[in-house]
Amino acid sequence: MRGPTTEEVLAVQPSDIRANTKTAQAYLDIRKKILNGTYKVGQVITPKSIDNDYKTSNTSTQIILLRLAGEGLIKIRPITERTGLNNAAINEYKVADLNVRNRMFSSRHSGFMTDVAQENSNAHLEVKALKIQYADAEIASLLNIGEGDNIIFLRSYQYQNANTLVAISDTYLPFWYAEIMPELEKPDTDLYKLMFSLGKRPFWCTETIDIVQSTVLERGIFGMSTDDPSALLKIIRRAFDEDGSPLSVDFLTDRGDTYRLHYSFPLFADGIPEPLRDR
């Protein structure tokens, strides 16, 4: 489904709405104003303004805002700065950008900085952890090494701008990366280019994506409100050389309300190198 037009969405009233109630009327009116552009992208809608305009209770106002957020019409963000001593609000509600094509675009070619920073000069990467550890059963299987073998663990945070964390990358590498560990700490490092410096030839990549709801821990790390309904993309990414030997495995956690991911692939199995089929 390509996606319904604004007119089509407006023409369909949610089936569970009791249209004769004050809360329903307020919800439908605000919904209409967002969809027809009366409320602009980024405009703040405060609970107090809803209370004043529609004479709703605090509970009804919260229901309205959460329902609009669940429909993707409002973004809920935690308030980081209080505007007054008596400001008890914990969230800020802004009209969402309904055009998904305005999200952060990733072509999935090379590393984060090489890929995303070309279009977004404010994007940057921060290394949070780099250490040697033992491979557990899952990592050993994904890297085709023995359980308990030494590996290198690299965790990095990927930012869209100075304050917006959009992805967390947990990368597991075979121990032959040890000689270039200092290079892995650099914020502009491209992992796949480093492979060439070690005589490796990254050739193929596979990704498996799951859409999940964020945990309380993840919401805290990403700076998301506990009321934000946005999902996360959980991606397992494996890189291989031409012989089908794994060179790295990444566990990526991307904000589903921020990223657009682009892929290209052969339509038939015979377009995939023999050693890499069905991996």
Protein backbone atom coordinates (compact mmCIF):
# COMPACT_ATOMS: atom_id res chain seq x y z
CA MET A 1 0.00 0.00 0.00
CA ARG A 2 1.57 3.25 -1.11
CA GLY A 3 -0.11 5.18 1.67
CA PRO A 4 -3.45 6.97 1.94
CA THR A 5 -3.75 10.62 1.04
CA THR A 6 -4.67 13.24 3.63
CA GLU A 7 -8.16 13.42 2.13
CA GLU A 8 -8.60 9.66 2.43
CA VAL A 9 -7.49 9.67 6.06
CA LEU A 10 -9.81 12.55 6.91
CA ALA A 11 -12.72 10.75 5.25
CA VAL A 12 -12.43 7.80 7.61
CA GLN A 13 -13.45 8.26 11.20
CA PRO A 14 -11.91 5.82 13.72
CA SER A 15 -14.45 3.06 14.24
CA ASP A 16 -14.28 3.08 18.05
CA ILE A 17 -15.00 6.80 18.42
CA ARG A 18 -18.22 7.84 20.15
CA ALA A 19 -18.63 10.99 18.11
CA ASN A 20 -21.16 12.62 20.43
CA THR A 21 -18.75 12.98 23.36
CA LYS A 22 -16.74 16.09 24.15
CA THR A 23 -13.47 14.15 24.15
CA ALA A 24 -14.18 12.59 20.75
CA GLN A 25 -15.09 15.94 19.21
CA ALA A 26 -11.90 17.51 20.52
CA TYR A 27 -9.80 14.63 19.20
CA LEU A 28 -11.42 14.70 15.76
CA ASP A 29 -11.08 18.48 15.48
CA ILE A 30 -7.39 18.52 16.43
CA ARG A 31 -6.79 15.54 14.13
CA LYS A 32 -8.41 17.45 11.27
CA LYS A 33 -6.36 20.58 11.94
CA ILE A 34 -3.13 18.58 11.84
CA LEU A 35 -4.03 16.72 8.65
CA ASN A 36 -5.26 19.78 6.75
CA GLY A 37 -2.26 21.87 7.76
CA THR A 38 -3.97 24.31 10.12
CA TYR A 39 -1.44 23.17 12.71
CA LYS A 40 2.07 23.30 11.25
CA VAL A 41 4.86 20.75 11.60
CA GLY A 42 6.71 21.35 14.85
CA GLN A 43 3.94 23.44 16.38
CA VAL A 44 3.55 22.81 20.09
CA ILE A 45 0.13 21.72 21.31
CA THR A 46 -0.11 22.10 25.06
CA PRO A 47 -2.55 20.26 27.32
CA LYS A 48 -3.63 23.64 28.68
CA SER A 49 -4.61 24.90 25.22
CA ILE A 50 -6.76 21.81 24.69
CA ASP A 51 -8.36 22.28 28.10
CA ASN A 52 -9.10 25.94 27.28
CA ASP A 53 -10.37 25.36 23.73
CA TYR A 54 -12.45 22.25 24.29
CA LYS A 55 -13.23 22.32 28.04
CA THR A 56 -11.90 18.80 28.56
CA SER A 57 -10.65 17.24 31.78
CA ASN A 58 -6.96 16.52 32.37
CA THR A 59 -7.54 12.81 31.86
CA SER A 60 -9.43 13.37 28.60
CA THR A 61 -6.71 15.70 27.36
CA GLN A 62 -4.05 13.07 27.96
CA ILE A 63 -6.15 10.47 26.16
CA ILE A 64 -6.48 12.81 23.17
CA LEU A 65 -2.75 13.50 23.00
CA LEU A 66 -1.77 9.84 23.36
CA ARG A 67 -4.25 8.84 20.70
CA LEU A 68 -2.90 11.44 18.28
CA ALA A 69 0.62 10.22 19.04
CA GLY A 70 -0.41 6.63 18.41
CA GLU A 71 -1.68 7.70 14.99
CA GLY A 72 1.66 9.36 14.26
CA LEU A 73 0.22 12.88 14.17
CA ILE A 74 2.02 14.15 17.28
CA LYS A 75 5.54 13.59 18.54
CA ILE A 76 5.94 13.28 22.29
CA ARG A 77 9.24 14.50 23.69
CA PRO A 78 10.32 14.76 27.32
CA ILE A 79 10.71 18.29 28.63
CA THR A 80 14.34 18.88 29.51
CA GLU A 81 14.02 22.45 30.78
CA ARG A 82 11.35 23.76 33.10
CA THR A 83 9.77 27.07 32.18
CA GLY A 84 8.72 27.84 35.72
CA LEU A 85 8.84 26.57 39.27
CA ASN A 86 5.29 25.26 39.05
CA ASN A 87 5.63 23.58 35.65
CA ALA A 88 4.63 19.99 36.39
CA ALA A 89 4.52 18.86 32.73
CA ILE A 90 6.88 16.06 31.81
CA ASN A 91 6.21 15.97 28.06
CA GLU A 92 6.10 18.33 25.12
CA TYR A 93 3.70 17.63 22.26
CA LYS A 94 4.61 18.77 18.75
CA VAL A 95 2.85 18.28 15.44
CA ALA A 96 4.71 15.50 13.60
CA ASP A 97 6.18 15.66 10.11
CA LEU A 98 3.95 13.25 8.21
CA ASN A 99 6.30 13.06 5.24
CA VAL A 100 8.50 10.02 5.94
CA ARG A 101 10.78 11.07 3.09
CA ASN A 102 12.11 13.82 5.33
CA ARG A 103 13.64 11.27 7.69
CA MET A 104 17.35 10.54 7.96
CA PHE A 105 18.29 8.56 4.84
CA SER A 106 20.75 5.68 4.93
CA SER A 107 21.89 3.96 1.74
CA ARG A 108 23.44 1.15 3.81
CA HIS A 109 26.76 1.60 2.02
CA SER A 110 29.89 1.58 4.16
CA GLY A 111 30.02 2.94 7.72
CA PHE A 112 27.73 5.46 9.38
CA MET A 113 29.91 8.51 8.84
CA THR A 114 30.69 7.66 5.22
CA ASP A 115 27.05 6.90 4.51
CA VAL A 116 24.94 9.43 6.43
CA ALA A 117 27.31 12.35 7.00
CA GLN A 118 27.45 13.07 3.27
CA GLU A 119 23.89 14.39 3.45
CA ASN A 120 23.89 15.51 7.08
CA SER A 121 26.87 17.61 8.18
CA ASN A 122 25.63 17.55 11.79
CA ALA A 123 25.72 13.75 12.04
CA HIS A 124 28.45 12.35 14.24
CA LEU A 125 29.52 9.17 15.99
CA GLU A 126 30.65 8.64 19.57
CA VAL A 127 32.53 5.52 20.67
CA LYS A 128 31.16 4.36 24.04
CA ALA A 129 33.04 1.08 24.55
CA LEU A 130 35.95 -0.79 22.99
CA LYS A 131 37.30 -3.92 24.64
CA ILE A 132 38.46 -7.49 24.22
CA GLN A 133 36.08 -10.17 25.47
CA TYR A 134 35.14 -13.80 24.95
CA ALA A 135 32.67 -14.87 22.27
CA ASP A 136 29.45 -16.36 23.57
CA ALA A 137 27.62 -19.07 21.62
CA GLU A 138 25.61 -16.66 19.45
CA ILE A 139 28.54 -14.45 18.47
CA ALA A 140 30.76 -17.46 17.86
CA SER A 141 28.16 -18.88 15.47
CA LEU A 142 27.72 -15.58 13.62
CA LEU A 143 31.48 -15.05 13.21
CA ASN A 144 32.20 -18.74 12.54
CA ILE A 145 34.71 -18.99 15.41
CA GLY A 146 34.93 -21.06 18.56
CA GLU A 147 32.87 -20.25 21.63
CA GLY A 148 35.16 -18.58 24.16
CA ASP A 149 37.54 -17.26 21.50
CA ASN A 150 38.78 -13.69 21.91
CA ILE A 151 36.82 -11.06 20.03
CA ILE A 152 36.66 -7.27 19.98
CA PHE A 153 33.50 -5.51 21.11
CA LEU A 154 32.80 -1.98 19.88
CA ARG A 155 29.77 0.06 20.95
CA SER A 156 29.09 3.37 19.26
CA TYR A 157 26.30 5.93 19.42
CA GLN A 158 25.17 7.53 16.15
CA TYR A 159 23.76 11.05 16.33
CA GLN A 160 21.65 12.94 13.81
CA ASN A 161 22.72 16.22 15.40
CA ALA A 162 24.24 17.42 18.66
CA ASN A 163 21.35 16.18 20.79
CA THR A 164 19.47 13.51 18.85
CA LEU A 165 20.70 9.94 19.24
CA VAL A 166 19.29 7.88 16.38
CA ALA A 167 21.12 4.55 16.58
CA ILE A 168 23.23 2.35 18.80
CA SER A 169 25.68 -0.04 17.18
CA ASP A 170 27.12 -3.07 19.01
CA THR A 171 29.82 -4.49 16.74
CA TYR A 172 31.62 -7.80 17.29
CA LEU A 173 34.87 -8.40 15.42
CA PRO A 174 37.29 -11.31 15.05
CA PHE A 175 40.43 -10.92 17.13
CA TRP A 176 42.61 -10.18 14.09
CA TYR A 177 41.32 -6.60 14.40
CA ALA A 178 43.37 -6.19 17.59
CA GLU A 179 46.31 -4.57 15.80
CA ILE A 180 44.14 -1.65 14.67
CA MET A 181 42.08 -1.14 17.84
CA PRO A 182 43.29 2.48 18.19
CA GLU A 183 41.80 3.20 14.75
CA LEU A 184 38.43 1.86 15.88
CA GLU A 185 38.23 4.58 18.54
CA LYS A 186 38.26 7.39 15.99
CA PRO A 187 34.82 8.97 15.46
CA ASP A 188 35.23 9.13 11.68
CA THR A 189 36.48 5.57 11.24
CA ASP A 190 35.01 3.50 8.43
CA LEU A 191 35.14 -0.13 9.53
CA TYR A 192 34.97 -1.54 6.02
CA LYS A 193 37.87 0.57 4.79
CA LEU A 194 39.89 -0.65 7.78
CA MET A 195 39.25 -4.22 6.66
CA PHE A 196 41.11 -3.50 3.43
CA SER A 197 44.08 -2.22 5.43
CA LEU A 198 44.23 -5.66 7.06
CA GLY A 199 44.15 -7.45 3.73
CA LYS A 200 40.47 -8.36 3.97
CA ARG A 201 37.99 -7.71 1.18
CA PRO A 202 34.45 -6.99 2.43
CA PHE A 203 32.14 -7.99 -0.39
CA TRP A 204 28.63 -8.85 0.77
CA CYS A 205 26.28 -7.87 3.56
CA THR A 206 23.12 -9.42 4.97
CA GLU A 207 20.66 -7.77 7.34
CA THR A 208 17.75 -9.11 9.35
CA ILE A 209 15.31 -6.51 10.68
CA ASP A 210 12.78 -6.80 13.49
CA ILE A 211 10.43 -4.03 14.62
CA VAL A 212 10.07 -3.94 18.40
CA GLN A 213 8.74 -1.67 21.11
CA SER A 214 11.43 0.10 23.08
CA THR A 215 12.19 -0.86 26.66
CA VAL A 216 12.35 1.66 29.49
CA LEU A 217 16.15 1.38 29.37
CA GLU A 218 16.27 2.13 25.63
CA ARG A 219 13.85 5.06 25.97
CA GLY A 220 16.16 6.54 28.59
CA ILE A 221 19.26 6.14 26.40
CA PHE A 222 17.55 7.62 23.34
CA GLY A 223 16.00 10.45 25.35
CA MET A 224 12.48 9.37 24.45
CA SER A 225 9.42 9.99 26.57
CA THR A 226 7.96 6.95 28.30
CA ASP A 227 4.71 7.82 26.48
CA ASP A 228 6.32 7.86 23.02
CA PRO A 229 4.78 4.99 20.98
CA SER A 230 7.58 4.96 18.37
CA ALA A 231 9.06 1.55 17.64
CA LEU A 232 12.72 0.61 17.21
CA LEU A 233 14.39 -1.23 14.35
CA LYS A 234 16.56 -4.11 15.56
CA ILE A 235 19.02 -5.05 12.82
CA ILE A 236 21.54 -7.88 12.72
CA ARG A 237 24.08 -7.00 10.05
CA ARG A 238 26.79 -9.41 8.89
CA ALA A 239 29.61 -8.59 6.48
CA PHE A 240 31.37 -11.29 4.42
CA ASP A 241 34.31 -11.59 2.07
CA GLU A 242 34.05 -13.15 -1.40
CA ASP A 243 34.58 -16.64 0.03
CA GLY A 244 31.65 -16.26 2.41
CA SER A 245 33.76 -15.88 5.54
CA PRO A 246 32.20 -13.50 8.12
CA LEU A 247 34.20 -10.35 8.81
CA SER A 248 31.95 -8.62 11.34
CA VAL A 249 28.54 -8.71 12.93
CA ASP A 250 26.59 -5.64 14.08
CA PHE A 251 23.57 -5.47 16.36
CA LEU A 252 21.99 -2.14 15.43
CA THR A 253 19.18 -0.44 17.32
CA ASP A 254 17.73 2.35 15.18
CA ARG A 255 14.91 4.74 15.99
CA GLY A 256 12.03 3.74 13.74
CA ASP A 257 10.65 7.28 13.66
CA THR A 258 13.91 8.74 12.35
CA TYR A 259 15.58 6.41 9.86
CA ARG A 260 14.81 5.54 6.25
CA LEU A 261 16.76 2.51 5.07
CA HIS A 262 17.59 1.80 1.43
CA TYR A 263 18.46 -1.63 0.04
CA SER A 264 19.32 -3.18 -3.30
CA PHE A 265 19.59 -6.91 -3.96
CA PRO A 266 19.33 -9.50 -6.73
CA LEU A 267 15.86 -10.89 -7.37
CA PHE A 268 17.05 -14.44 -7.95
CA ALA A 269 19.37 -16.71 -5.99
CA ASP A 270 21.75 -17.15 -8.92
CA GLY A 271 22.58 -13.46 -8.58
CA ILE A 272 24.04 -14.12 -5.13
CA PRO A 273 27.58 -15.49 -4.86
CA GLU A 274 27.42 -19.23 -4.18
CA PRO A 275 29.22 -19.15 -0.80
CA LEU A 276 26.81 -16.50 0.48
CA ARG A 277 23.44 -17.97 -0.44
CA ASP A 278 20.96 -18.66 2.36
CA ARG A 279 23.12 -16.96 4.99
